[in-house]
Amino acid sequence: MPEQLSSWDGRVKPTPFEEYSKKYEEFFVMTRRDGIIELRMHTDGGPFKHSWIGHNAWHQAWAEVGNDPENEVLIITGTGERWHTGDPAELWHTPFPQWSTDSQLKMYGDMVRLLEGFVSAVDIPTIAAVNGPGTHCEFATACDITLCVEDADFFDPHFLGGGVPGDGMGLTLQHTIGTKRASYYMYTGEPIDGPTALRLGLVNEVLPRERLLPRAWEIAEMMMARPRASRLLTHAIAVRPWKRAFLDDLGFHAAHQLWGMAIGEAGQLDRLRQMTERFRGPQAGESSQE
């Protein structure tokens, strides 16, 4: 439903959907219908492959989406059968202590804004449809409603790789499954698949892959059938605990992760390489070791 402001009121014209959907098309396929906007992460039409420019794009895209009053419910999902992929050897070919000061500062800003921006800039109901395994499930976990498939994996890889779990996944685990359980999964990196995530209270529904997005749209359409004020104010209540958590602790977590990276202890990249399949999944011609 189009926004209807009072005759004396006004709004600086936001960036139109056609413009920002084009701007971020390298990272998201954006679709909008009847006030519901779907952001599908991708790289070259396949599962999203983690990169530092993609990491930087996320919080900027949240701001564009949140600033457009024609967006009334947000669905975020991935492409194919993986939520997220990445190759640690590619990402960390230059050790963090050798990064320029500005790149290190940008990393901190991107880590914090990714989550703070998601819960502050986007003031409409949010639904995550986690379509498979992969890292960076923190903003999916912080959505109002989180749906997933059975083979999703909400794991935190940092400690297993010799790092510090400070990018937000550990923090979202603390605030969903509890301090004691979160500590176990941060230290062990054990998989948290769909049924386990449902049992722990990390997600709301586990669905067959073919039902995942249709169910997300069903919920979004149900939300759209309610008044705009009800949607926005209910979201404000739902998201407030996350705003408080990120304001209180996200900067602390991120700074400790980067502090650990800045120390530059030997062997960290080798440990990450041993986990490559878990990050990116089996490739063509490879067989899973599991």
Protein backbone atom coordinates (compact mmCIF):
# COMPACT_ATOMS: atom_id res chain seq x y z
CA MET A 1 0.00 0.00 0.00
CA PRO A 2 1.57 3.35 -1.02
CA GLU A 3 2.52 5.68 1.79
CA GLN A 4 -0.02 8.51 2.33
CA LEU A 5 1.55 11.45 4.13
CA SER A 6 -0.42 14.45 5.38
CA SER A 7 -0.73 17.31 2.89
CA TRP A 8 1.69 19.47 4.88
CA ASP A 9 4.25 16.69 5.37
CA GLY A 10 7.05 15.60 3.06
CA ARG A 11 9.95 13.21 2.59
CA VAL A 12 13.28 13.64 0.81
CA LYS A 13 12.97 11.36 -2.20
CA PRO A 14 14.67 8.03 -1.45
CA THR A 15 16.80 6.16 -3.95
CA PRO A 16 14.34 4.27 -6.18
CA PHE A 17 14.21 0.48 -6.13
CA GLU A 18 15.29 0.29 -9.78
CA GLU A 19 18.47 2.19 -8.95
CA TYR A 20 19.64 0.43 -5.80
CA SER A 21 18.65 -3.02 -7.04
CA LYS A 22 20.93 -2.35 -10.01
CA LYS A 23 23.69 -0.94 -7.78
CA TYR A 24 23.87 -4.12 -5.68
CA GLU A 25 23.07 -6.65 -8.40
CA GLU A 26 26.56 -8.18 -8.07
CA PHE A 27 25.61 -9.31 -4.56
CA PHE A 28 21.80 -9.56 -4.45
CA VAL A 29 18.96 -10.36 -6.77
CA MET A 30 16.22 -8.04 -5.50
CA THR A 31 12.55 -8.73 -6.17
CA ARG A 32 9.62 -6.69 -4.90
CA ARG A 33 5.93 -7.49 -5.06
CA ASP A 34 3.06 -5.86 -3.18
CA GLY A 35 5.37 -4.27 -0.60
CA ILE A 36 7.41 -7.42 0.05
CA ILE A 37 11.07 -7.18 -0.97
CA GLU A 38 13.18 -10.32 -1.35
CA LEU A 39 16.97 -10.11 -1.28
CA ARG A 40 18.61 -13.24 -2.64
CA MET A 41 22.35 -13.33 -2.09
CA HIS A 42 24.37 -14.64 -5.03
CA THR A 43 27.68 -14.55 -6.86
CA ASP A 44 27.51 -14.93 -10.64
CA GLY A 45 24.09 -16.56 -10.31
CA GLY A 46 25.29 -19.21 -7.83
CA PRO A 47 25.64 -19.29 -4.05
CA PHE A 48 27.07 -16.14 -2.53
CA LYS A 49 30.87 -16.33 -2.31
CA HIS A 50 32.31 -14.31 0.53
CA SER A 51 34.53 -11.38 -0.44
CA TRP A 52 35.60 -8.21 1.29
CA ILE A 53 33.69 -6.02 -1.16
CA GLY A 54 30.60 -8.16 -0.58
CA HIS A 55 31.11 -7.82 3.16
CA ASN A 56 31.15 -4.05 2.64
CA ALA A 57 28.03 -4.12 0.44
CA TRP A 58 25.72 -5.70 3.00
CA HIS A 59 25.29 -2.82 5.42
CA GLN A 60 25.01 -0.33 2.57
CA ALA A 61 22.24 -2.40 1.00
CA TRP A 62 20.39 -2.57 4.35
CA ALA A 63 20.39 1.24 4.46
CA GLU A 64 18.98 1.57 0.93
CA VAL A 65 16.27 -1.01 1.58
CA GLY A 66 15.33 0.51 4.93
CA ASN A 67 15.15 4.02 3.49
CA ASP A 68 12.58 3.08 0.84
CA PRO A 69 9.01 3.39 2.22
CA GLU A 70 7.73 1.08 -0.51
CA ASN A 71 9.51 -1.81 1.23
CA GLU A 72 7.17 -3.10 3.94
CA VAL A 73 8.42 -6.64 4.68
CA LEU A 74 11.91 -8.01 3.97
CA ILE A 75 12.79 -11.61 3.04
CA ILE A 76 16.47 -12.52 2.81
CA THR A 77 17.71 -15.81 1.39
CA GLY A 78 20.55 -17.43 -0.54
CA THR A 79 20.95 -19.09 -3.92
CA GLY A 80 20.88 -22.81 -4.68
CA GLU A 81 21.64 -25.20 -1.86
CA ARG A 82 24.07 -23.09 0.18
CA TRP A 83 23.48 -19.97 2.24
CA HIS A 84 27.05 -18.78 1.87
CA THR A 85 30.39 -20.01 0.55
CA GLY A 86 33.98 -18.87 0.73
CA ASP A 87 37.58 -19.96 0.43
CA PRO A 88 39.75 -19.00 3.42
CA ALA A 89 42.93 -19.25 1.35
CA GLU A 90 41.59 -16.66 -1.10
CA LEU A 91 40.24 -14.34 1.58
CA TRP A 92 43.36 -14.40 3.75
CA HIS A 93 46.12 -14.51 1.13
CA THR A 94 47.50 -11.41 2.90
CA PRO A 95 47.78 -11.82 6.69
CA PHE A 96 45.76 -9.26 8.63
CA PRO A 97 48.82 -7.63 10.29
CA GLN A 98 50.01 -6.73 6.78
CA TRP A 99 46.77 -4.96 5.83
CA SER A 100 46.87 -1.18 5.61
CA THR A 101 45.55 0.73 8.60
CA ASP A 102 42.59 1.94 6.54
CA SER A 103 41.69 -1.61 5.47
CA GLN A 104 41.85 -2.77 9.08
CA LEU A 105 39.58 0.11 10.16
CA LYS A 106 37.19 -0.66 7.29
CA MET A 107 37.02 -4.27 8.45
CA TYR A 108 35.98 -3.19 11.94
CA GLY A 109 33.37 -0.78 10.56
CA ASP A 110 31.91 -3.38 8.21
CA MET A 111 31.73 -6.01 10.97
CA VAL A 112 29.81 -3.72 13.29
CA ARG A 113 27.57 -2.04 10.71
CA LEU A 114 26.56 -5.36 9.18
CA LEU A 115 24.48 -6.16 12.27
CA GLU A 116 23.89 -2.73 13.80
CA GLY A 117 22.68 -1.46 10.43
CA PHE A 118 20.49 -4.51 9.90
CA VAL A 119 18.52 -3.91 13.10
CA SER A 120 18.61 -0.10 13.00
CA ALA A 121 18.30 0.88 9.35
CA VAL A 122 15.68 -1.73 8.48
CA ASP A 123 12.56 -0.90 10.48
CA ILE A 124 10.17 -3.36 8.79
CA PRO A 125 9.47 -7.01 9.63
CA THR A 126 12.30 -9.32 8.57
CA ILE A 127 12.21 -12.98 7.57
CA ALA A 128 15.27 -15.13 6.86
CA ALA A 129 14.98 -18.22 4.66
CA VAL A 130 18.25 -20.07 5.22
CA ASN A 131 18.50 -22.33 2.20
CA GLY A 132 21.53 -24.41 3.17
CA PRO A 133 24.80 -24.50 5.10
CA GLY A 134 27.31 -21.67 5.20
CA THR A 135 28.88 -19.12 7.49
CA HIS A 136 27.56 -15.63 8.32
CA CYS A 137 24.19 -16.76 9.60
CA GLU A 138 24.26 -13.97 12.19
CA PHE A 139 21.93 -11.59 10.37
CA ALA A 140 19.59 -14.48 9.53
CA THR A 141 19.48 -15.28 13.24
CA ALA A 142 18.69 -11.63 14.05
CA CYS A 143 15.64 -11.58 11.76
CA ASP A 144 12.20 -11.46 13.37
CA ILE A 145 11.44 -14.90 11.93
CA THR A 146 14.03 -17.45 10.78
CA LEU A 147 13.17 -20.42 8.58
CA CYS A 148 15.68 -22.98 7.39
CA VAL A 149 16.18 -26.31 5.63
CA GLU A 150 17.38 -29.47 7.38
CA ASP A 151 20.98 -29.21 6.19
CA ALA A 152 21.48 -25.60 7.30
CA ASP A 153 24.51 -25.15 9.55
CA PHE A 154 24.60 -22.26 12.03
CA PHE A 155 28.18 -22.98 13.05
CA ASP A 156 30.84 -20.51 14.16
CA PRO A 157 34.21 -21.45 12.62
CA HIS A 158 36.47 -18.89 14.26
CA PHE A 159 37.88 -20.72 17.28
CA LEU A 160 38.45 -23.92 15.29
CA GLY A 161 40.48 -21.84 12.86
CA GLY A 162 42.55 -20.36 15.67
CA GLY A 163 40.63 -17.09 15.74
CA VAL A 164 38.19 -15.33 18.05
CA PRO A 165 34.41 -15.63 17.46
CA GLY A 166 33.68 -11.91 17.37
CA ASP A 167 31.91 -11.17 14.09
CA GLY A 168 28.43 -11.58 15.55
CA MET A 169 27.58 -15.26 15.18
CA GLY A 170 28.78 -16.03 18.69
CA LEU A 171 26.85 -13.06 20.05
CA THR A 172 23.63 -14.08 18.31
CA LEU A 173 24.07 -17.60 19.68
CA GLN A 174 24.43 -16.20 23.20
CA HIS A 175 21.15 -14.33 22.83
CA THR A 176 19.17 -17.18 21.28
CA ILE A 177 20.36 -20.47 22.77
CA GLY A 178 21.88 -19.18 26.03
CA THR A 179 25.35 -18.50 27.36
CA LYS A 180 26.34 -22.07 28.25
CA ARG A 181 25.21 -23.63 24.98
CA ALA A 182 26.70 -20.78 22.97
CA SER A 183 30.08 -21.27 24.65
CA TYR A 184 30.02 -24.96 23.70
CA TYR A 185 29.30 -24.24 20.04
CA MET A 186 31.80 -21.36 19.87
CA TYR A 187 34.59 -23.58 21.20
CA THR A 188 33.73 -26.80 19.37
CA GLY A 189 32.38 -25.48 16.07
CA GLU A 190 29.95 -28.40 16.12
CA PRO A 191 27.31 -28.26 13.37
CA ILE A 192 23.92 -26.81 14.22
CA ASP A 193 21.69 -28.27 11.53
CA GLY A 194 18.03 -27.40 11.03
CA PRO A 195 16.47 -29.85 13.51
CA THR A 196 19.09 -28.96 16.12
CA ALA A 197 18.54 -25.24 15.54
CA LEU A 198 14.80 -25.74 16.01
CA ARG A 199 15.32 -27.71 19.22
CA LEU A 200 17.68 -25.04 20.59
CA GLY A 201 15.34 -22.17 19.70
CA LEU A 202 17.55 -20.67 17.00
CA VAL A 203 14.94 -20.96 14.20
CA ASN A 204 11.16 -21.04 13.98
CA GLU A 205 10.51 -23.66 11.29
CA VAL A 206 12.45 -26.33 9.39
CA LEU A 207 11.15 -26.98 5.90
CA PRO A 208 11.93 -28.96 2.75
CA ARG A 209 13.98 -26.81 0.39
CA GLU A 210 11.14 -26.53 -2.14
CA ARG A 211 8.83 -25.18 0.58
CA LEU A 212 11.26 -22.71 2.14
CA LEU A 213 10.71 -19.57 0.04
CA PRO A 214 6.99 -20.17 -0.52
CA ARG A 215 6.56 -20.38 3.25
CA ALA A 216 8.55 -17.16 3.74
CA TRP A 217 6.26 -15.43 1.26
CA GLU A 218 3.16 -16.86 2.97
CA ILE A 219 4.26 -15.34 6.26
CA ALA A 220 5.17 -12.04 4.59
CA GLU A 221 1.76 -11.89 2.88
CA MET A 222 0.05 -12.58 6.22
CA MET A 223 2.01 -9.66 7.68
CA MET A 224 1.00 -7.42 4.78
CA ALA A 225 -2.68 -8.18 5.49
CA ARG A 226 -2.29 -6.32 8.80
CA PRO A 227 -2.12 -2.52 9.19
CA ARG A 228 1.17 -0.77 8.50
CA ALA A 229 1.33 0.60 12.04
CA SER A 230 0.88 -2.90 13.49
CA ARG A 231 3.72 -4.22 11.34
CA LEU A 232 6.18 -1.44 12.12
CA LEU A 233 5.46 -1.27 15.84
CA THR A 234 5.51 -5.05 16.29
CA HIS A 235 8.87 -5.15 14.52
CA ALA A 236 10.12 -2.41 16.84
CA ILE A 237 9.28 -4.62 19.82
CA ALA A 238 10.74 -7.75 18.19
CA VAL A 239 14.03 -6.09 17.26
CA ARG A 240 14.65 -4.12 20.46
CA PRO A 241 16.54 -6.93 22.27
CA TRP A 242 18.91 -7.17 19.29
CA LYS A 243 19.50 -3.42 19.25
CA ARG A 244 20.41 -3.53 22.93
CA ALA A 245 22.64 -6.59 22.50
CA PHE A 246 24.56 -5.13 19.56
CA LEU A 247 24.94 -1.72 21.20
CA ASP A 248 26.24 -3.31 24.39
CA ASP A 249 28.52 -6.03 23.03
CA LEU A 250 29.09 -6.13 19.27
CA GLY A 251 31.95 -3.63 19.27
CA PHE A 252 33.60 -5.54 22.13
CA HIS A 253 33.31 -8.85 20.25
CA ALA A 254 34.55 -7.38 16.96
CA ALA A 255 37.51 -5.62 18.58
CA HIS A 256 38.61 -8.84 20.28
CA GLN A 257 38.40 -10.80 17.03
CA LEU A 258 40.51 -8.20 15.23
CA TRP A 259 42.95 -7.97 18.13
CA GLY A 260 43.51 -11.71 17.85
CA MET A 261 43.99 -11.38 14.09
CA ALA A 262 46.45 -8.50 14.55
CA ILE A 263 48.66 -10.64 16.78
CA GLY A 264 49.17 -12.80 13.69
CA GLU A 265 49.90 -16.13 15.36
CA ALA A 266 51.45 -18.65 12.96
CA GLY A 267 49.36 -21.56 11.66
CA GLN A 268 45.96 -19.87 11.57
CA LEU A 269 45.61 -20.03 7.79
CA ASP A 270 46.62 -23.70 7.77
CA ARG A 271 43.86 -24.46 10.26
CA LEU A 272 41.35 -22.55 8.14
CA ARG A 273 42.43 -24.44 5.01
CA GLN A 274 41.64 -27.70 6.78
CA MET A 275 38.04 -26.45 7.06
CA THR A 276 37.74 -25.34 3.42
CA GLU A 277 35.03 -27.80 2.45
CA ARG A 278 32.88 -26.65 5.32
CA PHE A 279 33.16 -23.06 4.11
CA ARG A 280 32.54 -23.62 0.42
CA GLY A 281 31.02 -27.10 0.14
CA PRO A 282 32.18 -29.87 -2.19
CA GLN A 283 33.24 -28.63 -5.63
CA ALA A 284 32.65 -30.26 -8.99
CA GLY A 285 34.72 -33.42 -9.21
CA GLU A 286 35.22 -33.60 -5.43
CA SER A 287 33.50 -35.91 -2.99
CA SER A 288 32.48 -34.95 0.49
CA GLN A 289 34.63 -36.25 3.33
CA GLU A 290 31.67 -36.51 5.61
